[in-house]
Amino acid sequence: MALGNVVGSNIFNTLGILGIVPFFGPLPVPPDLAGFDLWVMLGATVAFLAWLCLRRSFGRAMAGTFLLVYGAYIAAHYFGLSAVAMTPP
């Protein structure tokens, strides 16, 4: 039930709130959001759904793993590695 509550809240915030905001003014999207953050969010979602489909449980070890990955994501932004990842070779 908690998982459904979190997913439902995220869907409402994404579609409901972001759908209303452009009526009151433009909503600028930074380039790093589309270039780096979107792919990180997609990867985390696919990993989470794959884990739930294969294991059907989400314990402390997996929660710790996701927390470490989130820490690495924050560190990448802090040290500017997200900009490096977006530059073409």
Protein backbone atom coordinates (compact mmCIF):
# COMPACT_ATOMS: atom_id res chain seq x y z
CA MET A 1 0.00 0.00 0.00
CA ALA A 2 2.88 2.36 0.78
CA LEU A 3 4.39 1.75 -2.66
CA GLY A 4 1.10 2.64 -4.34
CA ASN A 5 0.87 5.79 -2.23
CA VAL A 6 4.35 6.92 -3.27
CA VAL A 7 3.83 6.12 -6.94
CA GLY A 8 0.41 7.80 -6.99
CA SER A 9 1.79 10.91 -5.31
CA ASN A 10 4.66 11.12 -7.80
CA ILE A 11 2.32 10.72 -10.75
CA PHE A 12 0.00 13.43 -9.42
CA ASN A 13 2.87 15.83 -8.74
CA THR A 14 4.37 15.27 -12.17
CA LEU A 15 1.20 15.42 -14.24
CA GLY A 16 -1.08 17.57 -12.08
CA ILE A 17 1.21 20.27 -10.80
CA LEU A 18 3.49 20.52 -13.84
CA GLY A 19 0.43 20.51 -16.07
CA ILE A 20 -1.05 23.56 -14.35
CA VAL A 21 2.10 25.69 -13.96
CA PRO A 22 2.46 26.63 -17.67
CA PHE A 23 -0.95 28.34 -17.54
CA PHE A 24 0.54 30.98 -15.24
CA GLY A 25 3.84 31.53 -17.03
CA PRO A 26 6.56 29.81 -19.02
CA LEU A 27 8.26 26.83 -17.48
CA PRO A 28 11.93 26.82 -18.52
CA VAL A 29 13.68 23.46 -18.69
CA PRO A 30 17.43 23.51 -18.05
CA PRO A 31 19.47 21.61 -20.67
CA ASP A 32 21.12 19.37 -18.06
CA LEU A 33 17.68 18.10 -17.05
CA ALA A 34 17.04 16.65 -20.49
CA GLY A 35 20.62 15.55 -21.06
CA PHE A 36 21.61 13.89 -17.78
CA ASP A 37 18.88 13.88 -15.15
CA LEU A 38 16.23 12.37 -17.39
CA TRP A 39 18.46 9.38 -18.20
CA VAL A 40 19.33 8.88 -14.53
CA MET A 41 15.64 8.93 -13.58
CA LEU A 42 14.79 6.52 -16.38
CA GLY A 43 17.59 4.15 -15.34
CA ALA A 44 16.53 4.22 -11.69
CA THR A 45 12.92 3.53 -12.63
CA VAL A 46 13.82 0.62 -14.90
CA ALA A 47 16.15 -0.85 -12.25
CA PHE A 48 13.47 -0.51 -9.57
CA LEU A 49 10.74 -2.08 -11.70
CA ALA A 50 13.03 -4.90 -12.84
CA TRP A 51 13.98 -5.64 -9.23
CA LEU A 52 10.33 -5.73 -8.14
CA CYS A 53 9.33 -7.99 -11.05
CA LEU A 54 12.14 -10.46 -10.37
CA ARG A 55 12.25 -10.48 -6.56
CA ARG A 56 8.88 -9.09 -5.45
CA SER A 57 10.47 -7.66 -2.32
CA PHE A 58 12.46 -4.60 -1.49
CA GLY A 59 14.59 -5.04 1.62
CA ARG A 60 17.17 -3.02 3.47
CA ALA A 61 20.06 -4.11 1.27
CA MET A 62 18.37 -2.90 -1.91
CA ALA A 63 17.21 0.30 -0.20
CA GLY A 64 20.82 0.93 0.83
CA THR A 65 21.98 0.33 -2.72
CA PHE A 66 19.50 2.84 -4.09
CA LEU A 67 20.56 5.30 -1.39
CA LEU A 68 24.22 4.92 -2.40
CA VAL A 69 23.33 5.42 -6.07
CA TYR A 70 21.40 8.56 -5.11
CA GLY A 71 24.45 9.79 -3.20
CA ALA A 72 26.58 9.21 -6.29
CA TYR A 73 24.04 11.16 -8.35
CA ILE A 74 24.18 14.10 -5.92
CA ALA A 75 28.00 13.94 -5.91
CA ALA A 76 28.03 13.99 -9.72
CA HIS A 77 26.03 17.21 -9.68
CA TYR A 78 28.14 18.73 -6.93
CA PHE A 79 31.44 18.03 -8.67
CA GLY A 80 30.11 18.95 -12.12
CA LEU A 81 30.34 15.44 -13.56
CA SER A 82 26.85 15.72 -15.03
CA ALA A 83 28.11 18.43 -17.39
CA VAL A 84 31.03 16.23 -18.39
CA ALA A 85 28.67 13.34 -19.13
CA MET A 86 26.60 15.57 -21.44
CA THR A 87 29.45 16.80 -23.65
CA PRO A 88 29.71 14.92 -26.95
CA PRO A 89 32.96 13.07 -27.62
